[in-house]
N, C-alpha and C. Protein backbone atom coordinates (compact mmCIF):
# COMPACT_ATOMS: atom_id res chain seq x y z
N UNK A 1 -15.84 11.81 -31.35
CA UNK A 1 -15.67 12.25 -29.98
C UNK A 1 -14.55 13.30 -29.94
N UNK A 2 -14.79 14.41 -29.31
CA UNK A 2 -13.78 15.46 -29.26
C UNK A 2 -12.72 15.12 -28.21
N UNK A 3 -11.57 15.77 -28.33
CA UNK A 3 -10.47 15.56 -27.38
C UNK A 3 -10.94 15.87 -25.95
N UNK A 4 -11.79 16.85 -25.81
CA UNK A 4 -12.26 17.26 -24.50
C UNK A 4 -13.09 16.18 -23.82
N UNK A 5 -13.81 15.39 -24.60
CA UNK A 5 -14.66 14.37 -23.99
C UNK A 5 -14.08 12.96 -24.09
N UNK A 6 -12.94 12.83 -24.71
CA UNK A 6 -12.35 11.50 -24.84
C UNK A 6 -11.68 11.06 -23.54
N UNK A 7 -11.40 9.77 -23.45
CA UNK A 7 -10.76 9.24 -22.26
C UNK A 7 -9.35 9.81 -22.08
N UNK A 8 -8.73 10.28 -23.15
CA UNK A 8 -7.41 10.89 -23.03
C UNK A 8 -7.45 12.16 -22.18
N UNK A 9 -8.61 12.76 -22.05
CA UNK A 9 -8.76 13.97 -21.24
C UNK A 9 -9.30 13.67 -19.85
N UNK A 10 -9.49 12.40 -19.53
CA UNK A 10 -10.09 12.01 -18.25
C UNK A 10 -9.01 11.75 -17.21
N UNK A 11 -9.01 12.55 -16.16
CA UNK A 11 -8.02 12.39 -15.08
C UNK A 11 -8.14 11.04 -14.40
N UNK A 12 -9.37 10.61 -14.17
CA UNK A 12 -9.58 9.32 -13.51
C UNK A 12 -9.03 8.17 -14.34
N UNK A 13 -9.33 8.17 -15.63
CA UNK A 13 -8.86 7.10 -16.51
C UNK A 13 -7.34 7.05 -16.52
N UNK A 14 -6.71 8.20 -16.67
CA UNK A 14 -5.24 8.25 -16.74
C UNK A 14 -4.59 7.79 -15.44
N UNK A 15 -5.12 8.24 -14.31
CA UNK A 15 -4.49 7.85 -13.04
C UNK A 15 -4.75 6.39 -12.71
N UNK A 16 -5.94 5.87 -13.06
CA UNK A 16 -6.21 4.44 -12.80
C UNK A 16 -5.33 3.58 -13.69
N UNK A 17 -5.13 4.00 -14.94
CA UNK A 17 -4.24 3.25 -15.84
C UNK A 17 -2.81 3.25 -15.27
N UNK A 18 -2.34 4.40 -14.85
CA UNK A 18 -1.00 4.50 -14.27
C UNK A 18 -0.90 3.66 -13.00
N UNK A 19 -1.93 3.71 -12.18
CA UNK A 19 -1.94 2.94 -10.94
C UNK A 19 -1.83 1.45 -11.21
N UNK A 20 -2.58 0.97 -12.18
CA UNK A 20 -2.52 -0.47 -12.51
C UNK A 20 -1.13 -0.83 -13.03
N UNK A 21 -0.55 0.02 -13.87
CA UNK A 21 0.78 -0.22 -14.42
C UNK A 21 1.82 -0.30 -13.29
N UNK A 22 1.79 0.69 -12.40
CA UNK A 22 2.76 0.75 -11.30
C UNK A 22 2.56 -0.42 -10.34
N UNK A 23 1.31 -0.75 -10.05
CA UNK A 23 1.03 -1.88 -9.17
C UNK A 23 1.59 -3.17 -9.75
N UNK A 24 1.41 -3.39 -11.05
CA UNK A 24 1.97 -4.60 -11.68
C UNK A 24 3.49 -4.63 -11.57
N UNK A 25 4.13 -3.48 -11.76
CA UNK A 25 5.60 -3.41 -11.66
C UNK A 25 6.04 -3.83 -10.26
N UNK A 26 5.43 -3.26 -9.22
CA UNK A 26 5.81 -3.58 -7.85
C UNK A 26 5.43 -5.02 -7.50
N UNK A 27 4.25 -5.47 -7.93
CA UNK A 27 3.85 -6.85 -7.65
C UNK A 27 4.83 -7.84 -8.28
N UNK A 28 5.32 -7.53 -9.47
CA UNK A 28 6.28 -8.42 -10.14
C UNK A 28 7.53 -8.58 -9.28
N UNK A 29 8.04 -7.51 -8.74
CA UNK A 29 9.24 -7.58 -7.90
C UNK A 29 8.94 -8.26 -6.56
N UNK A 30 7.85 -7.87 -5.93
CA UNK A 30 7.53 -8.37 -4.59
C UNK A 30 7.08 -9.83 -4.59
N UNK A 31 6.72 -10.34 -5.75
CA UNK A 31 6.24 -11.73 -5.81
C UNK A 31 7.31 -12.73 -5.35
N UNK A 32 8.57 -12.38 -5.47
CA UNK A 32 9.64 -13.28 -5.01
C UNK A 32 9.57 -13.49 -3.49
N UNK A 33 8.98 -12.53 -2.78
CA UNK A 33 8.79 -12.67 -1.33
C UNK A 33 7.38 -13.16 -1.01
N UNK A 34 6.63 -13.49 -2.04
CA UNK A 34 5.25 -13.98 -1.90
C UNK A 34 4.37 -12.99 -1.13
N UNK A 35 4.49 -11.73 -1.54
CA UNK A 35 3.70 -10.66 -0.95
C UNK A 35 3.25 -9.72 -2.08
N UNK A 36 2.04 -9.20 -1.97
CA UNK A 36 1.57 -8.25 -2.97
C UNK A 36 1.95 -6.83 -2.55
N UNK A 37 1.81 -5.92 -3.49
CA UNK A 37 2.08 -4.52 -3.23
C UNK A 37 1.21 -3.99 -2.09
N UNK A 38 -0.07 -4.33 -2.09
CA UNK A 38 -0.98 -3.89 -1.03
C UNK A 38 -0.57 -4.48 0.31
N UNK A 39 -0.26 -5.78 0.33
CA UNK A 39 0.17 -6.41 1.57
C UNK A 39 1.45 -5.77 2.09
N UNK A 40 2.38 -5.49 1.19
CA UNK A 40 3.63 -4.86 1.59
C UNK A 40 3.36 -3.50 2.23
N UNK A 41 2.48 -2.71 1.63
CA UNK A 41 2.15 -1.41 2.20
C UNK A 41 1.58 -1.52 3.60
N UNK A 42 0.69 -2.47 3.80
CA UNK A 42 0.09 -2.69 5.12
C UNK A 42 1.17 -3.12 6.12
N UNK A 43 1.99 -4.07 5.73
CA UNK A 43 3.04 -4.57 6.62
C UNK A 43 4.01 -3.45 7.02
N UNK A 44 4.42 -2.63 6.06
CA UNK A 44 5.37 -1.57 6.37
C UNK A 44 4.74 -0.51 7.27
N UNK A 45 3.48 -0.17 7.00
CA UNK A 45 2.81 0.80 7.89
C UNK A 45 2.75 0.28 9.33
N UNK A 46 2.45 -1.01 9.49
CA UNK A 46 2.41 -1.59 10.83
C UNK A 46 3.80 -1.75 11.44
N UNK A 47 4.80 -1.93 10.59
CA UNK A 47 6.19 -2.02 11.05
C UNK A 47 6.64 -0.65 11.58
N UNK A 48 6.26 0.40 10.84
CA UNK A 48 6.65 1.76 11.22
C UNK A 48 5.81 2.31 12.37
N UNK A 49 4.54 1.89 12.44
CA UNK A 49 3.62 2.40 13.46
C UNK A 49 2.87 1.24 14.09
N UNK A 50 3.53 0.50 14.97
CA UNK A 50 2.86 -0.63 15.61
C UNK A 50 1.64 -0.18 16.41
N UNK A 51 0.64 -1.04 16.47
CA UNK A 51 -0.52 -0.76 17.29
C UNK A 51 -1.55 0.15 16.64
N UNK A 52 -1.52 0.26 15.31
CA UNK A 52 -2.55 1.06 14.64
C UNK A 52 -3.89 0.35 14.76
N UNK A 53 -4.94 1.15 14.86
CA UNK A 53 -6.28 0.57 14.83
C UNK A 53 -6.68 0.32 13.38
N UNK A 54 -7.72 -0.45 13.19
CA UNK A 54 -8.24 -0.70 11.84
C UNK A 54 -8.59 0.62 11.16
N UNK A 55 -9.23 1.51 11.90
CA UNK A 55 -9.64 2.80 11.34
C UNK A 55 -8.42 3.63 10.92
N UNK A 56 -7.40 3.65 11.76
CA UNK A 56 -6.18 4.40 11.44
C UNK A 56 -5.50 3.83 10.20
N UNK A 57 -5.44 2.50 10.13
CA UNK A 57 -4.80 1.86 8.98
C UNK A 57 -5.61 2.10 7.71
N UNK A 58 -6.92 2.01 7.79
CA UNK A 58 -7.77 2.26 6.63
C UNK A 58 -7.57 3.69 6.13
N UNK A 59 -7.49 4.63 7.05
CA UNK A 59 -7.26 6.03 6.69
C UNK A 59 -5.89 6.20 6.03
N UNK A 60 -4.86 5.59 6.61
CA UNK A 60 -3.50 5.70 6.06
C UNK A 60 -3.40 5.06 4.68
N UNK A 61 -4.14 3.98 4.46
CA UNK A 61 -4.11 3.27 3.17
C UNK A 61 -5.09 3.87 2.16
N UNK A 62 -5.93 4.78 2.61
CA UNK A 62 -7.02 5.35 1.80
C UNK A 62 -7.85 4.20 1.23
N UNK A 63 -8.31 3.33 2.14
CA UNK A 63 -9.10 2.16 1.79
C UNK A 63 -10.37 2.13 2.61
N UNK A 64 -11.41 1.56 2.04
CA UNK A 64 -12.62 1.30 2.81
C UNK A 64 -12.27 0.21 3.83
N UNK A 65 -12.89 0.27 4.99
CA UNK A 65 -12.60 -0.72 6.04
C UNK A 65 -12.90 -2.14 5.58
N UNK A 66 -13.97 -2.32 4.80
CA UNK A 66 -14.31 -3.67 4.34
C UNK A 66 -13.23 -4.21 3.41
N UNK A 67 -12.68 -3.36 2.56
CA UNK A 67 -11.59 -3.78 1.67
C UNK A 67 -10.33 -4.10 2.47
N UNK A 68 -10.09 -3.30 3.50
CA UNK A 68 -8.93 -3.55 4.35
C UNK A 68 -9.07 -4.88 5.09
N UNK A 69 -10.25 -5.17 5.59
CA UNK A 69 -10.49 -6.44 6.29
C UNK A 69 -10.20 -7.61 5.34
N UNK A 70 -10.67 -7.51 4.09
CA UNK A 70 -10.41 -8.57 3.10
C UNK A 70 -8.91 -8.71 2.83
N UNK A 71 -8.18 -7.61 2.84
CA UNK A 71 -6.73 -7.65 2.59
C UNK A 71 -5.99 -8.24 3.80
N UNK A 72 -6.47 -7.96 4.98
CA UNK A 72 -5.79 -8.38 6.21
C UNK A 72 -6.01 -9.86 6.53
N UNK A 73 -7.18 -10.38 6.23
CA UNK A 73 -7.51 -11.77 6.61
C UNK A 73 -6.44 -12.78 6.19
N UNK A 74 -5.98 -12.77 4.92
CA UNK A 74 -4.94 -13.75 4.53
C UNK A 74 -3.62 -13.53 5.28
N UNK A 75 -3.29 -12.28 5.59
CA UNK A 75 -2.05 -12.01 6.31
C UNK A 75 -2.15 -12.48 7.76
N UNK A 76 -3.33 -12.36 8.31
CA UNK A 76 -3.55 -12.87 9.67
C UNK A 76 -3.51 -14.40 9.65
N UNK A 77 -4.16 -15.00 8.66
CA UNK A 77 -4.16 -16.46 8.52
C UNK A 77 -2.74 -17.00 8.37
N UNK A 78 -1.91 -16.28 7.59
CA UNK A 78 -0.53 -16.73 7.35
C UNK A 78 0.42 -16.37 8.49
N UNK A 79 -0.10 -15.71 9.52
CA UNK A 79 0.70 -15.44 10.70
C UNK A 79 1.60 -14.22 10.60
N UNK A 80 1.33 -13.31 9.68
CA UNK A 80 2.17 -12.12 9.52
C UNK A 80 1.76 -11.00 10.46
N UNK A 81 0.49 -10.98 10.83
CA UNK A 81 0.02 -9.96 11.76
C UNK A 81 -1.04 -10.53 12.67
N UNK A 82 -1.29 -9.80 13.73
CA UNK A 82 -2.33 -10.24 14.66
C UNK A 82 -3.19 -9.03 15.02
N UNK A 83 -4.42 -9.33 15.37
CA UNK A 83 -5.34 -8.29 15.81
C UNK A 83 -5.74 -8.59 17.25
N UNK A 84 -5.86 -7.52 18.02
CA UNK A 84 -6.27 -7.63 19.41
C UNK A 84 -7.24 -6.49 19.71
N UNK A 85 -8.07 -6.71 20.67
CA UNK A 85 -8.98 -5.65 21.11
C UNK A 85 -8.17 -4.58 21.85
N UNK A 86 -8.50 -3.32 21.61
CA UNK A 86 -7.84 -2.22 22.31
C UNK A 86 -8.17 -2.30 23.79
N UNK A 87 -7.19 -2.01 24.61
CA UNK A 87 -7.37 -2.11 26.07
C UNK A 87 -8.43 -1.13 26.57
N UNK A 88 -8.39 0.10 26.06
CA UNK A 88 -9.31 1.13 26.54
C UNK A 88 -10.70 1.02 25.92
N UNK A 89 -10.77 0.54 24.69
CA UNK A 89 -12.05 0.50 23.98
C UNK A 89 -12.16 -0.83 23.24
N UNK A 90 -12.89 -1.75 23.78
CA UNK A 90 -12.92 -3.12 23.27
C UNK A 90 -13.53 -3.24 21.87
N UNK A 91 -14.22 -2.20 21.41
CA UNK A 91 -14.79 -2.25 20.05
C UNK A 91 -13.71 -2.04 18.99
N UNK A 92 -12.59 -1.45 19.38
CA UNK A 92 -11.52 -1.16 18.43
C UNK A 92 -10.54 -2.32 18.34
N UNK A 93 -10.12 -2.61 17.10
CA UNK A 93 -9.09 -3.63 16.88
C UNK A 93 -7.76 -2.95 16.66
N UNK A 94 -6.75 -3.46 17.31
CA UNK A 94 -5.38 -2.96 17.17
C UNK A 94 -4.58 -4.02 16.42
N UNK A 95 -3.81 -3.58 15.44
CA UNK A 95 -3.03 -4.51 14.63
C UNK A 95 -1.55 -4.38 14.92
N UNK A 96 -0.87 -5.49 14.87
CA UNK A 96 0.58 -5.48 15.03
C UNK A 96 1.19 -6.65 14.25
N UNK A 97 2.45 -6.49 13.92
CA UNK A 97 3.17 -7.54 13.19
C UNK A 97 3.63 -8.62 14.15
N UNK A 98 3.64 -9.82 13.65
CA UNK A 98 4.25 -10.94 14.37
C UNK A 98 5.72 -11.00 13.94
N UNK A 99 6.44 -11.92 14.53
CA UNK A 99 7.83 -12.12 14.10
C UNK A 99 7.87 -12.51 12.63
N UNK A 100 6.94 -13.33 12.21
CA UNK A 100 6.84 -13.73 10.80
C UNK A 100 6.57 -12.51 9.91
N UNK A 101 5.75 -11.59 10.40
CA UNK A 101 5.48 -10.36 9.65
C UNK A 101 6.72 -9.50 9.51
N UNK A 102 7.49 -9.38 10.60
CA UNK A 102 8.76 -8.64 10.54
C UNK A 102 9.71 -9.29 9.53
N UNK A 103 9.77 -10.62 9.55
CA UNK A 103 10.62 -11.34 8.60
C UNK A 103 10.17 -11.10 7.16
N UNK A 104 8.86 -11.04 6.95
CA UNK A 104 8.32 -10.81 5.61
C UNK A 104 8.73 -9.42 5.11
N UNK A 105 8.65 -8.43 5.98
CA UNK A 105 9.08 -7.07 5.60
C UNK A 105 10.56 -7.08 5.24
N UNK A 106 11.38 -7.73 6.05
CA UNK A 106 12.81 -7.77 5.79
C UNK A 106 13.13 -8.47 4.46
N UNK A 107 12.38 -9.51 4.14
CA UNK A 107 12.60 -10.22 2.88
C UNK A 107 12.14 -9.39 1.68
N UNK A 108 11.08 -8.61 1.87
CA UNK A 108 10.50 -7.86 0.76
C UNK A 108 11.18 -6.51 0.51
N UNK A 109 11.81 -5.93 1.52
CA UNK A 109 12.41 -4.60 1.36
C UNK A 109 13.39 -4.49 0.19
N UNK A 110 14.34 -5.43 0.03
CA UNK A 110 15.26 -5.30 -1.11
C UNK A 110 14.53 -5.42 -2.46
N UNK A 111 13.46 -6.20 -2.50
CA UNK A 111 12.68 -6.34 -3.73
C UNK A 111 11.92 -5.06 -4.03
N UNK A 112 11.39 -4.44 -2.99
CA UNK A 112 10.72 -3.15 -3.14
C UNK A 112 11.70 -2.09 -3.64
N UNK A 113 12.94 -2.13 -3.11
CA UNK A 113 13.96 -1.17 -3.55
C UNK A 113 14.26 -1.34 -5.03
N UNK A 114 14.26 -2.58 -5.52
CA UNK A 114 14.48 -2.82 -6.95
C UNK A 114 13.32 -2.27 -7.78
N UNK A 115 12.10 -2.43 -7.27
CA UNK A 115 10.94 -1.87 -7.95
C UNK A 115 11.03 -0.35 -8.00
N UNK A 116 11.45 0.25 -6.89
CA UNK A 116 11.64 1.70 -6.84
C UNK A 116 12.65 2.14 -7.89
N UNK A 117 13.76 1.41 -7.96
CA UNK A 117 14.82 1.76 -8.92
C UNK A 117 14.33 1.62 -10.36
N UNK A 118 13.58 0.55 -10.64
CA UNK A 118 13.06 0.36 -12.00
C UNK A 118 12.10 1.48 -12.37
N UNK A 119 11.21 1.82 -11.46
CA UNK A 119 10.25 2.89 -11.74
C UNK A 119 10.96 4.22 -11.96
N UNK A 120 11.91 4.53 -11.09
CA UNK A 120 12.64 5.79 -11.22
C UNK A 120 13.51 5.82 -12.47
N UNK A 121 14.00 4.68 -12.92
CA UNK A 121 14.76 4.62 -14.17
C UNK A 121 13.84 4.94 -15.36
N UNK A 122 12.57 4.58 -15.25
CA UNK A 122 11.62 4.83 -16.33
C UNK A 122 11.17 6.28 -16.39
N UNK A 123 10.88 6.87 -15.24
CA UNK A 123 10.31 8.23 -15.25
C UNK A 123 11.29 9.30 -14.79
N UNK A 124 12.40 8.88 -14.21
CA UNK A 124 13.36 9.83 -13.68
C UNK A 124 13.11 10.07 -12.20
N UNK A 125 14.19 10.16 -11.41
CA UNK A 125 14.03 10.32 -9.96
C UNK A 125 13.33 11.62 -9.56
N UNK A 126 13.57 12.71 -10.30
CA UNK A 126 12.94 13.98 -9.95
C UNK A 126 11.44 13.92 -10.18
N UNK A 127 11.03 13.38 -11.33
CA UNK A 127 9.60 13.28 -11.63
C UNK A 127 8.93 12.32 -10.64
N UNK A 128 9.58 11.21 -10.33
CA UNK A 128 9.02 10.25 -9.37
C UNK A 128 8.82 10.93 -8.01
N UNK A 129 9.81 11.69 -7.57
CA UNK A 129 9.70 12.39 -6.28
C UNK A 129 8.58 13.43 -6.32
N UNK A 130 8.46 14.14 -7.43
CA UNK A 130 7.40 15.15 -7.54
C UNK A 130 6.02 14.50 -7.54
N UNK A 131 5.87 13.42 -8.31
CA UNK A 131 4.59 12.70 -8.33
C UNK A 131 4.24 12.20 -6.93
N UNK A 132 5.21 11.59 -6.25
CA UNK A 132 4.97 11.08 -4.89
C UNK A 132 4.46 12.21 -3.99
N UNK A 133 5.16 13.31 -4.04
CA UNK A 133 4.78 14.47 -3.23
C UNK A 133 3.37 14.92 -3.57
N UNK A 134 3.09 15.10 -4.85
CA UNK A 134 1.77 15.60 -5.28
C UNK A 134 0.65 14.63 -4.92
N UNK A 135 0.86 13.35 -5.14
CA UNK A 135 -0.19 12.36 -4.85
C UNK A 135 -0.41 12.22 -3.34
N UNK A 136 0.67 12.24 -2.56
CA UNK A 136 0.51 12.17 -1.11
C UNK A 136 -0.20 13.42 -0.58
N UNK A 137 0.12 14.57 -1.12
CA UNK A 137 -0.57 15.80 -0.74
C UNK A 137 -2.05 15.71 -1.06
N UNK A 138 -2.36 15.21 -2.23
CA UNK A 138 -3.75 15.08 -2.65
C UNK A 138 -4.54 14.19 -1.69
N UNK A 139 -3.97 13.05 -1.31
CA UNK A 139 -4.69 12.13 -0.44
C UNK A 139 -4.71 12.58 1.00
N UNK A 140 -3.74 13.38 1.42
CA UNK A 140 -3.75 13.90 2.79
C UNK A 140 -4.84 14.94 2.98
N UNK A 141 -5.24 15.58 1.90
CA UNK A 141 -6.22 16.66 2.00
C UNK A 141 -7.65 16.18 1.80
N UNK A 142 -7.87 14.86 1.80
CA UNK A 142 -9.23 14.36 1.60
C UNK A 142 -9.83 13.86 2.89
């Protein structure tokens, strides 16, 4: 197999491998707060932007709605967030954090900061910032 056709030349393979590695790093830190990296992302987005609809949250997370529903169900069951019908359009669900959800974010933030520090110690703060910028730009343009 030539270098051109090998997995070492595959952008998808490399980014998925990196994604799994980074997710494990963050999950390891966040596990002390009994929250996953995905759950933390959802909680923080709702903390920063209360009242997001399912569609808005799915777009922000770059997730299929069905995957988002599966991720949200345990958090709703555990009392971290609640869903309500939108006042103007009853077909839309609006999500917000409960007090327990706010507490979960507060407990997880210092752990997330440690994960950030560990990652940046491995790749360097400048490279981490550049990657963040590039990846966010890529997903914003889709």
